[in-house]
């Protein structure tokens, strides 16, 4: 569905990507192929979701908002989930 969407990055996401050494290519792959593990349909101004993907074996979470009107996926933040706070699949908080 999102193949023809533009991926945009909030400043916060860019800062976190730099701090955490997470490459833009990885984020783009996660947006296109990652697993939606939570949906936040009531978020404003756009509904958002938490995606899970992997950079080799390293799990990565991406919080993205879907601006359907303008065909944009807006990356809000990215991080490597803490294994002490998430289940072994990194899909549910403990």
PDB file of N, CA and C in Angstrom:
ATOM      1  N   UNK A   1       0.819  -1.205   0.000  1.00  0.00           N
ATOM      2  CA  UNK A   1       0.000   0.000   0.000  1.00  0.00           C
ATOM      3  C   UNK A   1       0.857   1.261   0.000  1.00  0.00           C
ATOM      4  N   UNK A   2       1.985   1.248   0.721  1.00  0.00           N
ATOM      5  CA  UNK A   2       2.764   2.471   0.893  1.00  0.00           C
ATOM      6  C   UNK A   2       3.924   2.589  -0.087  1.00  0.00           C
ATOM      7  N   UNK A   3       3.955   1.759  -1.111  1.00  0.00           N
ATOM      8  CA  UNK A   3       5.062   1.800  -2.071  1.00  0.00           C
ATOM      9  C   UNK A   3       5.171   3.157  -2.772  1.00  0.00           C
ATOM     10  N   UNK A   4       4.029   3.811  -3.027  1.00  0.00           N
ATOM     11  CA  UNK A   4       4.058   5.087  -3.734  1.00  0.00           C
ATOM     12  C   UNK A   4       3.987   6.283  -2.782  1.00  0.00           C
ATOM     13  N   UNK A   5       4.226   6.045  -1.503  1.00  0.00           N
ATOM     14  CA  UNK A   5       4.209   7.117  -0.512  1.00  0.00           C
ATOM     15  C   UNK A   5       5.605   7.694  -0.345  1.00  0.00           C
ATOM     16  N   UNK A   6       5.653   8.965   0.033  1.00  0.00           N
ATOM     17  CA  UNK A   6       6.899   9.629   0.353  1.00  0.00           C
ATOM     18  C   UNK A   6       7.182   9.414   1.840  1.00  0.00           C
ATOM     19  N   UNK A   7       8.408   9.090   2.168  1.00  0.00           N
ATOM     20  CA  UNK A   7       8.797   8.948   3.567  1.00  0.00           C
ATOM     21  C   UNK A   7       9.451  10.250   4.005  1.00  0.00           C
ATOM     22  N   UNK A   8       8.889  10.846   5.058  1.00  0.00           N
ATOM     23  CA  UNK A   8       9.423  12.089   5.609  1.00  0.00           C
ATOM     24  C   UNK A   8       9.869  11.827   7.036  1.00  0.00           C
ATOM     25  N   UNK A   9      10.868  12.563   7.473  1.00  0.00           N
ATOM     26  CA  UNK A   9      11.451  12.372   8.799  1.00  0.00           C
ATOM     27  C   UNK A   9      11.290  13.629   9.639  1.00  0.00           C
ATOM     28  N   UNK A  10      10.763  13.476  10.829  1.00  0.00           N
ATOM     29  CA  UNK A  10      10.741  14.568  11.798  1.00  0.00           C
ATOM     30  C   UNK A  10      12.179  14.750  12.304  1.00  0.00           C
ATOM     31  N   UNK A  11      12.477  15.957  12.741  1.00  0.00           N
ATOM     32  CA  UNK A  11      13.811  16.254  13.265  1.00  0.00           C
ATOM     33  C   UNK A  11      14.168  15.299  14.402  1.00  0.00           C
ATOM     34  N   UNK A  12      13.217  15.028  15.272  1.00  0.00           N
ATOM     35  CA  UNK A  12      13.446  14.103  16.386  1.00  0.00           C
ATOM     36  C   UNK A  12      13.922  12.739  15.871  1.00  0.00           C
ATOM     37  N   UNK A  13      13.285  12.230  14.827  1.00  0.00           N
ATOM     38  CA  UNK A  13      13.668  10.926  14.270  1.00  0.00           C
ATOM     39  C   UNK A  13      15.088  10.969  13.719  1.00  0.00           C
ATOM     40  N   UNK A  14      15.424  12.030  13.027  1.00  0.00           N
ATOM     41  CA  UNK A  14      16.770  12.159  12.465  1.00  0.00           C
ATOM     42  C   UNK A  14      17.815  12.189  13.581  1.00  0.00           C
ATOM     43  N   UNK A  15      17.520  12.953  14.647  1.00  0.00           N
ATOM     44  CA  UNK A  15      18.442  13.016  15.778  1.00  0.00           C
ATOM     45  C   UNK A  15      18.644  11.634  16.396  1.00  0.00           C
ATOM     46  N   UNK A  16      17.548  10.883  16.574  1.00  0.00           N
ATOM     47  CA  UNK A  16      17.646   9.555  17.175  1.00  0.00           C
ATOM     48  C   UNK A  16      18.386   8.583  16.253  1.00  0.00           C
ATOM     49  N   UNK A  17      18.168   8.699  14.957  1.00  0.00           N
ATOM     50  CA  UNK A  17      18.877   7.841  14.004  1.00  0.00           C
ATOM     51  C   UNK A  17      20.378   8.077  14.098  1.00  0.00           C
ATOM     52  N   UNK A  18      20.774   9.331  14.190  1.00  0.00           N
ATOM     53  CA  UNK A  18      22.204   9.656  14.306  1.00  0.00           C
ATOM     54  C   UNK A  18      22.768   9.158  15.630  1.00  0.00           C
ATOM     55  N   UNK A  19      22.055   9.403  16.740  1.00  0.00           N
ATOM     56  CA  UNK A  19      22.508   8.971  18.064  1.00  0.00           C
ATOM     57  C   UNK A  19      22.654   7.464  18.148  1.00  0.00           C
ATOM     58  N   UNK A  20      21.738   6.760  17.486  1.00  0.00           N
ATOM     59  CA  UNK A  20      21.661   5.302  17.633  1.00  0.00           C
ATOM     60  C   UNK A  20      22.250   4.546  16.449  1.00  0.00           C
ATOM     61  N   UNK A  21      22.859   5.291  15.534  1.00  0.00           N
ATOM     62  CA  UNK A  21      23.513   4.690  14.364  1.00  0.00           C
ATOM     63  C   UNK A  21      22.561   3.768  13.595  1.00  0.00           C
ATOM     64  N   UNK A  22      21.375   4.319  13.281  1.00  0.00           N
ATOM     65  CA  UNK A  22      20.371   3.581  12.513  1.00  0.00           C
ATOM     66  C   UNK A  22      20.249   4.256  11.153  1.00  0.00           C
ATOM     67  N   UNK A  23      20.521   3.501  10.114  1.00  0.00           N
ATOM     68  CA  UNK A  23      20.587   4.007   8.744  1.00  0.00           C
ATOM     69  C   UNK A  23      19.206   4.217   8.128  1.00  0.00           C
ATOM     70  N   UNK A  24      19.103   5.224   7.274  1.00  0.00           N
ATOM     71  CA  UNK A  24      17.852   5.534   6.576  1.00  0.00           C
ATOM     72  C   UNK A  24      17.358   4.350   5.735  1.00  0.00           C
ATOM     73  N   UNK A  25      18.263   3.608   5.123  1.00  0.00           N
ATOM     74  CA  UNK A  25      17.864   2.443   4.325  1.00  0.00           C
ATOM     75  C   UNK A  25      17.127   1.416   5.176  1.00  0.00           C
ATOM     76  N   UNK A  26      17.586   1.239   6.397  1.00  0.00           N
ATOM     77  CA  UNK A  26      16.938   0.298   7.312  1.00  0.00           C
ATOM     78  C   UNK A  26      15.523   0.774   7.621  1.00  0.00           C
ATOM     79  N   UNK A  27      15.378   2.060   7.893  1.00  0.00           N
ATOM     80  CA  UNK A  27      14.059   2.612   8.202  1.00  0.00           C
ATOM     81  C   UNK A  27      13.122   2.450   7.011  1.00  0.00           C
ATOM     82  N   UNK A  28      13.602   2.759   5.829  1.00  0.00           N
ATOM     83  CA  UNK A  28      12.764   2.611   4.629  1.00  0.00           C
ATOM     84  C   UNK A  28      12.306   1.168   4.451  1.00  0.00           C
ATOM     85  N   UNK A  29      13.200   0.222   4.692  1.00  0.00           N
ATOM     86  CA  UNK A  29      12.841  -1.197   4.583  1.00  0.00           C
ATOM     87  C   UNK A  29      11.797  -1.573   5.626  1.00  0.00           C
ATOM     88  N   UNK A  30      11.963  -1.083   6.839  1.00  0.00           N
ATOM     89  CA  UNK A  30      11.000  -1.391   7.898  1.00  0.00           C
ATOM     90  C   UNK A  30       9.637  -0.796   7.572  1.00  0.00           C
ATOM     91  N   UNK A  31       9.603   0.419   7.051  1.00  0.00           N
ATOM     92  CA  UNK A  31       8.325   1.036   6.677  1.00  0.00           C
ATOM     93  C   UNK A  31       7.622   0.191   5.619  1.00  0.00           C
ATOM     94  N   UNK A  32       8.374  -0.313   4.671  1.00  0.00           N
ATOM     95  CA  UNK A  32       7.776  -1.083   3.568  1.00  0.00           C
ATOM     96  C   UNK A  32       7.474  -2.528   3.938  1.00  0.00           C
ATOM     97  N   UNK A  33       8.314  -3.140   4.784  1.00  0.00           N
ATOM     98  CA  UNK A  33       8.195  -4.578   5.035  1.00  0.00           C
ATOM     99  C   UNK A  33       8.058  -4.964   6.501  1.00  0.00           C
ATOM    100  N   UNK A  34       8.128  -3.992   7.397  1.00  0.00           N
ATOM    101  CA  UNK A  34       8.097  -4.305   8.823  1.00  0.00           C
ATOM    102  C   UNK A  34       6.730  -4.763   9.290  1.00  0.00           C
ATOM    103  N   UNK A  35       6.702  -5.278  10.492  1.00  0.00           N
ATOM    104  CA  UNK A  35       5.478  -5.774  11.099  1.00  0.00           C
ATOM    105  C   UNK A  35       4.867  -4.695  11.984  1.00  0.00           C
ATOM    106  N   UNK A  36       3.589  -4.410  11.777  1.00  0.00           N
ATOM    107  CA  UNK A  36       2.881  -3.465  12.640  1.00  0.00           C
ATOM    108  C   UNK A  36       2.562  -4.201  13.935  1.00  0.00           C
ATOM    109  N   UNK A  37       3.111  -3.711  15.044  1.00  0.00           N
ATOM    110  CA  UNK A  37       2.861  -4.381  16.318  1.00  0.00           C
ATOM    111  C   UNK A  37       1.885  -3.603  17.195  1.00  0.00           C
ATOM    112  N   UNK A  38       1.647  -2.329  16.883  1.00  0.00           N
ATOM    113  CA  UNK A  38       0.623  -1.529  17.563  1.00  0.00           C
ATOM    114  C   UNK A  38       0.126  -0.468  16.597  1.00  0.00           C
ATOM    115  N   UNK A  39      -1.161  -0.181  16.687  1.00  0.00           N
ATOM    116  CA  UNK A  39      -1.761   0.895  15.894  1.00  0.00           C
ATOM    117  C   UNK A  39      -2.389   1.904  16.836  1.00  0.00           C
ATOM    118  N   UNK A  40      -2.211   3.158  16.499  1.00  0.00           N
ATOM    119  CA  UNK A  40      -2.753   4.254  17.303  1.00  0.00           C
ATOM    120  C   UNK A  40      -3.637   5.103  16.391  1.00  0.00           C
ATOM    121  N   UNK A  41      -4.813   4.565  16.114  1.00  0.00           N
ATOM    122  CA  UNK A  41      -5.702   5.174  15.126  1.00  0.00           C
ATOM    123  C   UNK A  41      -6.255   6.524  15.541  1.00  0.00           C
ATOM    124  N   UNK A  42      -6.246   6.833  16.832  1.00  0.00           N
ATOM    125  CA  UNK A  42      -6.789   8.107  17.307  1.00  0.00           C
ATOM    126  C   UNK A  42      -5.730   9.196  17.468  1.00  0.00           C
ATOM    127  N   UNK A  43      -4.485   8.887  17.124  1.00  0.00           N
ATOM    128  CA  UNK A  43      -3.437   9.912  17.208  1.00  0.00           C
ATOM    129  C   UNK A  43      -3.754  11.069  16.275  1.00  0.00           C
ATOM    130  N   UNK A  44      -3.321  12.254  16.676  1.00  0.00           N
ATOM    131  CA  UNK A  44      -3.526  13.458  15.876  1.00  0.00           C
ATOM    132  C   UNK A  44      -2.183  14.085  15.560  1.00  0.00           C
ATOM    133  N   UNK A  45      -1.971  14.681  14.444  1.00  0.00           N
ATOM    134  CA  UNK A  45      -2.954  14.912  13.390  1.00  0.00           C
ATOM    135  C   UNK A  45      -3.189  13.723  12.470  1.00  0.00           C
ATOM    136  N   UNK A  46      -2.370  12.654  12.609  1.00  0.00           N
ATOM    137  CA  UNK A  46      -2.524  11.483  11.745  1.00  0.00           C
ATOM    138  C   UNK A  46      -2.466  10.217  12.592  1.00  0.00           C
ATOM    139  N   UNK A  47      -3.158   9.179  12.170  1.00  0.00           N
ATOM    140  CA  UNK A  47      -3.010   7.902  12.871  1.00  0.00           C
ATOM    141  C   UNK A  47      -1.568   7.419  12.751  1.00  0.00           C
ATOM    142  N   UNK A  48      -1.092   6.735  13.795  1.00  0.00           N
ATOM    143  CA  UNK A  48       0.285   6.268  13.755  1.00  0.00           C
ATOM    144  C   UNK A  48       0.354   4.788  14.121  1.00  0.00           C
ATOM    145  N   UNK A  49       1.566   4.254  14.032  1.00  0.00           N
ATOM    146  CA  UNK A  49       1.774   2.831  14.293  1.00  0.00           C
ATOM    147  C   UNK A  49       3.194   2.606  14.763  1.00  0.00           C
ATOM    148  N   UNK A  50       3.364   1.481  15.442  1.00  0.00           N
ATOM    149  CA  UNK A  50       4.683   1.032  15.869  1.00  0.00           C
ATOM    150  C   UNK A  50       5.048  -0.160  15.007  1.00  0.00           C
ATOM    151  N   UNK A  51       6.152  -0.040  14.304  1.00  0.00           N
ATOM    152  CA  UNK A  51       6.620  -1.093  13.398  1.00  0.00           C
ATOM    153  C   UNK A  51       7.850  -1.770  13.975  1.00  0.00           C
ATOM    154  N   UNK A  52       7.974  -3.048  13.688  1.00  0.00           N
ATOM    155  CA  UNK A  52       9.158  -3.816  14.076  1.00  0.00           C
ATOM    156  C   UNK A  52       9.850  -4.320  12.827  1.00  0.00           C
ATOM    157  N   UNK A  53      11.141  -4.122  12.782  1.00  0.00           N
ATOM    158  CA  UNK A  53      11.966  -4.669  11.716  1.00  0.00           C
ATOM    159  C   UNK A  53      13.334  -4.995  12.287  1.00  0.00           C
ATOM    160  N   UNK A  54      14.211  -5.473  11.430  1.00  0.00           N
ATOM    161  CA  UNK A  54      15.539  -5.873  11.892  1.00  0.00           C
ATOM    162  C   UNK A  54      16.623  -5.332  10.978  1.00  0.00           C
ATOM    163  N   UNK A  55      17.723  -4.909  11.601  1.00  0.00           N
ATOM    164  CA  UNK A  55      18.943  -4.548  10.892  1.00  0.00           C
ATOM    165  C   UNK A  55      19.902  -5.689  11.177  1.00  0.00           C
ATOM    166  N   UNK A  56      19.985  -6.612  10.233  1.00  0.00           N
ATOM    167  CA  UNK A  56      20.662  -7.897  10.440  1.00  0.00           C
ATOM    168  C   UNK A  56      19.945  -8.594  11.585  1.00  0.00           C
ATOM    169  N   UNK A  57      20.550  -8.721  12.747  1.00  0.00           N
ATOM    170  CA  UNK A  57      19.861  -9.378  13.863  1.00  0.00           C
ATOM    171  C   UNK A  57      19.384  -8.382  14.926  1.00  0.00           C
ATOM    172  N   UNK A  58      19.667  -7.109  14.726  1.00  0.00           N
ATOM    173  CA  UNK A  58      19.308  -6.084  15.703  1.00  0.00           C
ATOM    174  C   UNK A  58      17.861  -5.635  15.484  1.00  0.00           C
ATOM    175  N   UNK A  59      16.984  -5.768  16.513  1.00  0.00           N
ATOM    176  CA  UNK A  59      15.602  -5.309  16.348  1.00  0.00           C
ATOM    177  C   UNK A  59      15.542  -3.781  16.349  1.00  0.00           C
ATOM    178  N   UNK A  60      14.648  -3.251  15.536  1.00  0.00           N
ATOM    179  CA  UNK A  60      14.451  -1.806  15.452  1.00  0.00           C
ATOM    180  C   UNK A  60      12.949  -1.536  15.501  1.00  0.00           C
ATOM    181  N   UNK A  61      12.551  -0.577  16.332  1.00  0.00           N
ATOM    182  CA  UNK A  61      11.172  -0.094  16.355  1.00  0.00           C
ATOM    183  C   UNK A  61      11.128   1.258  15.656  1.00  0.00           C
ATOM    184  N   UNK A  62      10.100   1.437  14.847  1.00  0.00           N
ATOM    185  CA  UNK A  62       9.866   2.701  14.145  1.00  0.00           C
ATOM    186  C   UNK A  62       8.454   3.145  14.464  1.00  0.00           C
ATOM    187  N   UNK A  63       8.312   4.378  14.941  1.00  0.00           N
ATOM    188  CA  UNK A  63       6.996   4.972  15.129  1.00  0.00           C
ATOM    189  C   UNK A  63       6.769   5.886  13.934  1.00  0.00           C
ATOM    190  N   UNK A  64       5.680   5.600  13.199  1.00  0.00           N
ATOM    191  CA  UNK A  64       5.398   6.334  11.970  1.00  0.00           C
ATOM    192  C   UNK A  64       3.931   6.740  11.926  1.00  0.00           C
ATOM    193  N   UNK A  65       3.676   7.903  11.363  1.00  0.00           N
ATOM    194  CA  UNK A  65       2.308   8.388  11.167  1.00  0.00           C
ATOM    195  C   UNK A  65       1.974   8.321   9.680  1.00  0.00           C
ATOM    196  N   UNK A  66       0.727   8.016   9.392  1.00  0.00           N
ATOM    197  CA  UNK A  66       0.276   7.885   8.008  1.00  0.00           C
ATOM    198  C   UNK A  66      -0.589   9.071   7.606  1.00  0.00           C
ATOM    199  N   UNK A  67      -0.038   9.927   6.767  1.00  0.00           N
ATOM    200  CA  UNK A  67      -0.780  11.038   6.196  1.00  0.00           C
ATOM    201  C   UNK A  67      -1.332  10.554   4.854  1.00  0.00           C
ATOM    202  N   UNK A  68      -2.481   9.934   4.898  1.00  0.00           N
ATOM    203  CA  UNK A  68      -3.057   9.325   3.700  1.00  0.00           C
ATOM    204  C   UNK A  68      -3.404  10.359   2.637  1.00  0.00           C
ATOM    205  N   UNK A  69      -3.864  11.516   3.077  1.00  0.00           N
ATOM    206  CA  UNK A  69      -4.270  12.570   2.134  1.00  0.00           C
ATOM    207  C   UNK A  69      -3.119  12.977   1.221  1.00  0.00           C
ATOM    208  N   UNK A  70      -1.948  13.174   1.802  1.00  0.00           N
ATOM    209  CA  UNK A  70      -0.787  13.630   1.033  1.00  0.00           C
ATOM    210  C   UNK A  70       0.157  12.495   0.649  1.00  0.00           C
ATOM    211  N   UNK A  71      -0.261  11.258   0.913  1.00  0.00           N
ATOM    212  CA  UNK A  71       0.544  10.077   0.590  1.00  0.00           C
ATOM    213  C   UNK A  71       1.948  10.166   1.189  1.00  0.00           C
ATOM    214  N   UNK A  72       1.973  10.381   2.515  1.00  0.00           N
ATOM    215  CA  UNK A  72       3.234  10.478   3.245  1.00  0.00           C
ATOM    216  C   UNK A  72       3.228   9.516   4.426  1.00  0.00           C
ATOM    217  N   UNK A  73       4.373   8.947   4.686  1.00  0.00           N
ATOM    218  CA  UNK A  73       4.630   8.248   5.941  1.00  0.00           C
ATOM    219  C   UNK A  73       5.636   9.122   6.681  1.00  0.00           C
ATOM    220  N   UNK A  74       5.253   9.549   7.871  1.00  0.00           N
ATOM    221  CA  UNK A  74       6.083  10.469   8.643  1.00  0.00           C
ATOM    222  C   UNK A  74       6.745   9.696   9.778  1.00  0.00           C
ATOM    223  N   UNK A  75       8.062   9.645   9.755  1.00  0.00           N
ATOM    224  CA  UNK A  75       8.820   8.928  10.777  1.00  0.00           C
ATOM    225  C   UNK A  75       8.959   9.845  11.989  1.00  0.00           C
ATOM    226  N   UNK A  76       8.431   9.384  13.123  1.00  0.00           N
ATOM    227  CA  UNK A  76       8.413  10.189  14.340  1.00  0.00           C
ATOM    228  C   UNK A  76       9.635   9.892  15.206  1.00  0.00           C
ATOM    229  N   UNK A  77       9.929   8.614  15.404  1.00  0.00           N
ATOM    230  CA  UNK A  77      11.113   8.225  16.161  1.00  0.00           C
ATOM    231  C   UNK A  77      11.510   6.800  15.793  1.00  0.00           C
ATOM    232  N   UNK A  78      12.733   6.450  16.115  1.00  0.00           N
ATOM    233  CA  UNK A  78      13.265   5.104  15.875  1.00  0.00           C
ATOM    234  C   UNK A  78      14.154   4.735  17.064  1.00  0.00           C
ATOM    235  N   UNK A  79      14.126   3.458  17.409  1.00  0.00           N
ATOM    236  CA  UNK A  79      14.964   3.018  18.529  1.00  0.00           C
ATOM    237  C   UNK A  79      15.132   1.509  18.502  1.00  0.00           C
ATOM    238  N   UNK A  80      16.154   1.057  19.216  1.00  0.00           N
ATOM    239  CA  UNK A  80      16.364  -0.363  19.432  1.00  0.00           C
ATOM    240  C   UNK A  80      15.667  -0.714  20.744  1.00  0.00           C
ATOM    241  N   UNK A  81      14.657  -1.581  20.708  1.00  0.00           N
ATOM    242  CA  UNK A  81      13.916  -1.885  21.933  1.00  0.00           C
ATOM    243  C   UNK A  81      14.790  -2.575  22.987  1.00  0.00           C
ATOM    244  N   UNK A  82      14.571  -2.204  24.223  1.00  0.00           N
ATOM    245  CA  UNK A  82      15.314  -2.767  25.349  1.00  0.00           C
ATOM    246  C   UNK A  82      14.819  -4.193  25.607  1.00  0.00           C
ATOM    247  N   UNK A  83      15.688  -5.200  25.516  1.00  0.00           N
ATOM    248  CA  UNK A  83      15.251  -6.585  25.720  1.00  0.00           C
ATOM    249  C   UNK A  83      14.721  -6.856  27.130  1.00  0.00           C
ATOM    250  N   UNK A  84      15.031  -5.991  28.087  1.00  0.00           N
ATOM    251  CA  UNK A  84      14.508  -6.153  29.441  1.00  0.00           C
ATOM    252  C   UNK A  84      13.080  -5.628  29.571  1.00  0.00           C
ATOM    253  N   UNK A  85      12.635  -4.844  28.569  1.00  0.00           N
ATOM    254  CA  UNK A  85      11.300  -4.253  28.621  1.00  0.00           C
ATOM    255  C   UNK A  85      10.330  -4.845  27.600  1.00  0.00           C
ATOM    256  N   UNK A  86      10.855  -5.681  26.704  1.00  0.00           N
ATOM    257  CA  UNK A  86      10.043  -6.271  25.646  1.00  0.00           C
ATOM    258  C   UNK A  86      10.144  -7.784  25.677  1.00  0.00           C
ATOM    259  N   UNK A  87       9.121  -8.446  25.154  1.00  0.00           N
ATOM    260  CA  UNK A  87       9.173  -9.906  25.077  1.00  0.00           C
ATOM    261  C   UNK A  87      10.294 -10.322  24.121  1.00  0.00           C
ATOM    262  N   UNK A  88      10.536 -11.610  24.021  1.00  0.00           N
ATOM    263  CA  UNK A  88      11.670 -12.105  23.237  1.00  0.00           C
ATOM    264  C   UNK A  88      11.512 -11.835  21.732  1.00  0.00           C
ATOM    265  N   UNK A  89      10.298 -11.566  21.280  1.00  0.00           N
ATOM    266  CA  UNK A  89      10.059 -11.226  19.857  1.00  0.00           C
ATOM    267  C   UNK A  89      10.058  -9.724  19.626  1.00  0.00           C
ATOM    268  N   UNK A  90      10.176  -8.941  20.699  1.00  0.00           N
ATOM    269  CA  UNK A  90      10.156  -7.469  20.640  1.00  0.00           C
ATOM    270  C   UNK A  90       8.828  -6.931  20.127  1.00  0.00           C
ATOM    271  N   UNK A  91       7.754  -7.677  20.379  1.00  0.00           N
ATOM    272  CA  UNK A  91       6.428  -7.295  19.901  1.00  0.00           C
ATOM    273  C   UNK A  91       5.496  -6.818  21.013  1.00  0.00           C
ATOM    274  N   UNK A  92       5.806  -7.162  22.266  1.00  0.00           N
ATOM    275  CA  UNK A  92       4.955  -6.754  23.390  1.00  0.00           C
ATOM    276  C   UNK A  92       5.820  -6.297  24.544  1.00  0.00           C
ATOM    277  N   UNK A  93       5.370  -5.207  25.151  1.00  0.00           N
ATOM    278  CA  UNK A  93       6.065  -4.730  26.361  1.00  0.00           C
ATOM    279  C   UNK A  93       5.776  -5.665  27.507  1.00  0.00           C
ATOM    280  N   UNK A  94       6.768  -5.842  28.354  1.00  0.00           N
ATOM    281  CA  UNK A  94       6.612  -6.698  29.538  1.00  0.00           C
ATOM    282  C   UNK A  94       5.939  -5.941  30.664  1.00  0.00           C
TER     283      UNK A  94
END
